[in-house]
C-alpha atoms as a PDB file:
ATOM      1  CA  MET A   1       4.635  -9.857  -4.973  1.00  0.00           C
ATOM      2  CA  VAL A   2       3.413  -6.460  -3.901  1.00  0.00           C
ATOM      3  CA  ASP A   3       2.164  -5.459  -7.362  1.00  0.00           C
ATOM      4  CA  VAL A   4      -1.170  -7.165  -6.690  1.00  0.00           C
ATOM      5  CA  GLN A   5      -4.462  -5.904  -8.114  1.00  0.00           C
ATOM      6  CA  ALA A   6      -7.196  -7.147  -5.796  1.00  0.00           C
ATOM      7  CA  VAL A   7     -10.103  -8.371  -7.917  1.00  0.00           C
ATOM      8  CA  SER A   8     -11.261 -11.628  -6.297  1.00  0.00           C
ATOM      9  CA  ALA A   9     -11.870 -12.434  -2.629  1.00  0.00           C
ATOM     10  CA  LYS A  10      -8.727 -14.583  -2.532  1.00  0.00           C
ATOM     11  CA  ILE A  11      -6.574 -11.822  -4.009  1.00  0.00           C
ATOM     12  CA  VAL A  12      -8.147  -9.183  -1.746  1.00  0.00           C
ATOM     13  CA  ASP A  13      -7.225 -11.321   1.259  1.00  0.00           C
ATOM     14  CA  ARG A  14      -3.657 -11.782  -0.010  1.00  0.00           C
ATOM     15  CA  ALA A  15      -3.273  -8.066  -0.753  1.00  0.00           C
ATOM     16  CA  THR A  16      -4.623  -7.209   2.707  1.00  0.00           C
ATOM     17  CA  ARG A  17      -2.060  -9.487   4.364  1.00  0.00           C
ATOM     18  CA  ILE A  18       0.762  -7.987   2.289  1.00  0.00           C
ATOM     19  CA  ILE A  19      -0.290  -4.473   3.277  1.00  0.00           C
ATOM     20  CA  MET A  20      -0.528  -5.495   6.937  1.00  0.00           C
ATOM     21  CA  GLU A  21       2.927  -7.050   6.888  1.00  0.00           C
ATOM     22  CA  VAL A  22       4.668  -4.168   5.137  1.00  0.00           C
ATOM     23  CA  THR A  23       2.953  -1.361   7.043  1.00  0.00           C
ATOM     24  CA  ARG A  24       2.054  -3.123  10.304  1.00  0.00           C
ATOM     25  CA  ALA A  25      -1.470  -1.750   9.897  1.00  0.00           C
ATOM     26  CA  ASP A  26      -4.379  -3.641  11.408  1.00  0.00           C
ATOM     27  CA  LYS A  27      -6.712  -5.607   9.125  1.00  0.00           C
ATOM     28  CA  ALA A  28      -9.484  -3.007   9.037  1.00  0.00           C
ATOM     29  CA  THR A  29      -7.059  -0.219   8.115  1.00  0.00           C
ATOM     30  CA  ALA A  30      -5.413  -2.361   5.445  1.00  0.00           C
ATOM     31  CA  GLN A  31      -8.779  -3.319   3.915  1.00  0.00           C
ATOM     32  CA  GLU A  32     -10.107   0.245   3.903  1.00  0.00           C
ATOM     33  CA  THR A  33      -6.907   1.626   2.386  1.00  0.00           C
ATOM     34  CA  LEU A  34      -6.896  -1.106  -0.261  1.00  0.00           C
ATOM     35  CA  LYS A  35     -10.414  -0.004  -1.256  1.00  0.00           C
ATOM     36  CA  ARG A  36      -9.380   3.666  -1.381  1.00  0.00           C
ATOM     37  CA  ALA A  37      -6.344   2.623  -3.468  1.00  0.00           C
ATOM     38  CA  GLY A  38      -8.592   1.124  -6.123  1.00  0.00           C
ATOM     39  CA  GLY A  39      -7.516  -2.412  -5.254  1.00  0.00           C
ATOM     40  CA  SER A  40      -3.777  -1.761  -5.701  1.00  0.00           C
ATOM     41  CA  ALA A  41      -1.674  -3.108  -2.837  1.00  0.00           C
ATOM     42  CA  LYS A  42       1.307  -1.039  -3.988  1.00  0.00           C
ATOM     43  CA  ILE A  43      -0.656   2.215  -3.918  1.00  0.00           C
ATOM     44  CA  ALA A  44      -2.218   1.309  -0.560  1.00  0.00           C
ATOM     45  CA  ILE A  45       1.209   0.696   0.967  1.00  0.00           C
ATOM     46  CA  VAL A  46       2.491   4.074  -0.228  1.00  0.00           C
ATOM     47  CA  MET A  47      -0.655   5.776   1.085  1.00  0.00           C
ATOM     48  CA  LEU A  48      -0.235   4.263   4.545  1.00  0.00           C
ATOM     49  CA  VAL A  49       3.511   4.596   4.930  1.00  0.00           C
ATOM     50  CA  LYS A  50       3.678   8.134   3.548  1.00  0.00           C
ATOM     51  CA  GLY A  51       0.339   9.308   4.979  1.00  0.00           C
ATOM     52  CA  ILE A  52      -0.856  10.577   1.591  1.00  0.00           C
ATOM     53  CA  ASP A  53      -3.924  10.165  -0.614  1.00  0.00           C
ATOM     54  CA  ARG A  54      -4.310   7.961  -3.686  1.00  0.00           C
ATOM     55  CA  ALA A  55      -3.427  10.651  -6.248  1.00  0.00           C
ATOM     56  CA  GLU A  56      -0.259  11.585  -4.376  1.00  0.00           C
ATOM     57  CA  ALA A  57       0.720   7.924  -4.037  1.00  0.00           C
ATOM     58  CA  ILE A  58       0.268   7.333  -7.754  1.00  0.00           C
ATOM     59  CA  ALA A  59       2.334  10.421  -8.582  1.00  0.00           C
ATOM     60  CA  LEU A  60       5.089   9.357  -6.199  1.00  0.00           C
ATOM     61  CA  LEU A  61       5.215   5.878  -7.726  1.00  0.00           C
ATOM     62  CA  GLU A  62       5.337   7.371 -11.237  1.00  0.00           C
ATOM     63  CA  GLN A  63       8.200   9.675 -10.206  1.00  0.00           C
ATOM     64  CA  ASN A  64      10.085   6.581  -9.053  1.00  0.00           C
ATOM     65  CA  GLY A  65       9.488   4.422 -12.112  1.00  0.00           C
ATOM     66  CA  GLY A  66       6.808   2.407 -10.325  1.00  0.00           C
ATOM     67  CA  PHE A  67       9.354   1.004  -7.864  1.00  0.00           C
ATOM     68  CA  LEU A  68       7.941   0.714  -4.357  1.00  0.00           C
ATOM     69  CA  ARG A  69      11.407   0.261  -2.883  1.00  0.00           C
ATOM     70  CA  ARG A  70      12.520   3.660  -4.201  1.00  0.00           C
ATOM     71  CA  VAL A  71       9.424   5.356  -2.781  1.00  0.00           C
ATOM     72  CA  LEU A  72       9.861   3.752   0.637  1.00  0.00           C
ATOM     73  CA  GLU A  73      13.630   4.030   1.060  1.00  0.00           C
ATOM     74  CA  GLY A  74      14.305   5.401   4.502  1.00  0.00           C
ATOM     75  CA  THR A  75      10.654   5.330   5.578  1.00  0.00           C
ATOM     76  CA  LEU A  76       9.955   1.683   6.412  1.00  0.00           C
ATOM     77  CA  ASN A  77      11.024   2.217  10.003  1.00  0.00           C
ATOM     78  CA  LYS A  78       8.190   4.769  10.205  1.00  0.00           C
ATOM     79  CA  ARG A  79       5.353   2.306   9.755  1.00  0.00           C
ATOM     80  CA  VAL A  80       1.693   2.965  10.374  1.00  0.00           C
ATOM     81  CA  GLN A  81       0.556   3.498  13.940  1.00  0.00           C
ATOM     82  CA  THR A  82      -2.908   1.962  14.397  1.00  0.00           C
END
């Protein structure tokens, strides 16, 4: 359930927890990145794990058919250091 668009407080909280779990980022980092990702948990995760900006994350997801797993293959062991 990573394809979450954070629009309500409840969904923002859920998206933040998903980002924290996948990337091991702290809450503040997850929340800030979610904002910079336009509310997309998937884009925020790519931004954090890959260390790239929103436009690059979107392009990378598009190149991989929108599949987060394809984008992150081989990189999940390199999670965010906060």
